Amino acid sequence: MAEVIFYEKAGCAGNARPKALLLASGHQLVVRDLREQFWKPADAPRGRP
């Protein structure tokens, strides 16, 4: 399947379910700490419209 870059807050319990679903679907995860990522305004993920 796909390689997914998964940004998380390390230690957050809310990450477990989405990560488990992605892994169960056959995806490979590249896990990165959201708080350690440098974001420029143009690069920042956008919320729902």
C-alpha atoms as a PDB file:
ATOM      1  CA  MET A   1       0.000   0.000   0.000  1.00  0.00           C
ATOM      2  CA  ALA A   2       1.098   3.593   0.613  1.00  0.00           C
ATOM      3  CA  GLU A   3       3.763   5.089   2.826  1.00  0.00           C
ATOM      4  CA  VAL A   4       1.997   7.602   5.094  1.00  0.00           C
ATOM      5  CA  ILE A   5       3.725  10.394   6.994  1.00  0.00           C
ATOM      6  CA  PHE A   6       1.864  10.440  10.298  1.00  0.00           C
ATOM      7  CA  TYR A   7       2.361  13.546  12.431  1.00  0.00           C
ATOM      8  CA  GLU A   8       1.556  13.025  16.103  1.00  0.00           C
ATOM      9  CA  LYS A   9       2.050  14.569  19.496  1.00  0.00           C
ATOM     10  CA  ALA A  10       4.256  11.949  21.131  1.00  0.00           C
ATOM     11  CA  GLY A  11       2.508  10.246  24.026  1.00  0.00           C
ATOM     12  CA  CYS A  12      -0.985  11.329  22.973  1.00  0.00           C
ATOM     13  CA  ALA A  13      -3.459   8.465  23.448  1.00  0.00           C
ATOM     14  CA  GLY A  14      -5.604   9.773  20.595  1.00  0.00           C
ATOM     15  CA  ASN A  15      -3.013   8.576  18.065  1.00  0.00           C
ATOM     16  CA  ALA A  16      -3.479   4.872  18.747  1.00  0.00           C
ATOM     17  CA  ARG A  17      -6.715   4.277  16.840  1.00  0.00           C
ATOM     18  CA  PRO A  18      -5.857   6.055  13.555  1.00  0.00           C
ATOM     19  CA  LYS A  19      -2.388   4.485  13.545  1.00  0.00           C
ATOM     20  CA  ALA A  20      -3.855   1.010  14.138  1.00  0.00           C
ATOM     21  CA  LEU A  21      -6.397   1.485  11.333  1.00  0.00           C
ATOM     22  CA  LEU A  22      -3.733   2.593   8.875  1.00  0.00           C
ATOM     23  CA  LEU A  23      -1.443  -0.319   9.791  1.00  0.00           C
ATOM     24  CA  ALA A  24      -4.310  -2.821   9.594  1.00  0.00           C
ATOM     25  CA  SER A  25      -5.055  -1.502   6.093  1.00  0.00           C
ATOM     26  CA  GLY A  26      -1.521  -2.378   5.036  1.00  0.00           C
ATOM     27  CA  HIS A  27       0.003   1.091   5.005  1.00  0.00           C
ATOM     28  CA  GLN A  28       3.531   1.825   6.207  1.00  0.00           C
ATOM     29  CA  LEU A  29       3.821   4.686   8.683  1.00  0.00           C
ATOM     30  CA  VAL A  30       6.604   7.205   8.969  1.00  0.00           C
ATOM     31  CA  VAL A  31       5.845   8.681  12.399  1.00  0.00           C
ATOM     32  CA  ARG A  32       7.011  12.221  13.149  1.00  0.00           C
ATOM     33  CA  ASP A  33       6.550  14.418  16.199  1.00  0.00           C
ATOM     34  CA  LEU A  34       4.239  17.293  15.321  1.00  0.00           C
ATOM     35  CA  ARG A  35       5.840  19.560  17.930  1.00  0.00           C
ATOM     36  CA  GLU A  36       9.361  19.115  16.539  1.00  0.00           C
ATOM     37  CA  GLN A  37       8.402  19.924  12.943  1.00  0.00           C
ATOM     38  CA  PHE A  38       9.196  23.429  11.728  1.00  0.00           C
ATOM     39  CA  TRP A  39       6.170  24.837   9.906  1.00  0.00           C
ATOM     40  CA  LYS A  40       6.203  27.774   7.555  1.00  0.00           C
ATOM     41  CA  PRO A  41       2.750  29.339   7.108  1.00  0.00           C
ATOM     42  CA  ALA A  42       2.505  27.978   3.558  1.00  0.00           C
ATOM     43  CA  ASP A  43       3.412  24.444   4.722  1.00  0.00           C
ATOM     44  CA  ALA A  44       1.182  24.208   7.765  1.00  0.00           C
ATOM     45  CA  PRO A  45      -1.638  21.669   7.557  1.00  0.00           C
ATOM     46  CA  ARG A  46      -5.036  23.246   7.261  1.00  0.00           C
ATOM     47  CA  GLY A  47      -8.024  22.239   9.332  1.00  0.00           C
ATOM     48  CA  ARG A  48     -11.386  21.401   7.932  1.00  0.00           C
ATOM     49  CA  PRO A  49     -12.996  24.206   5.920  1.00  0.00           C
END
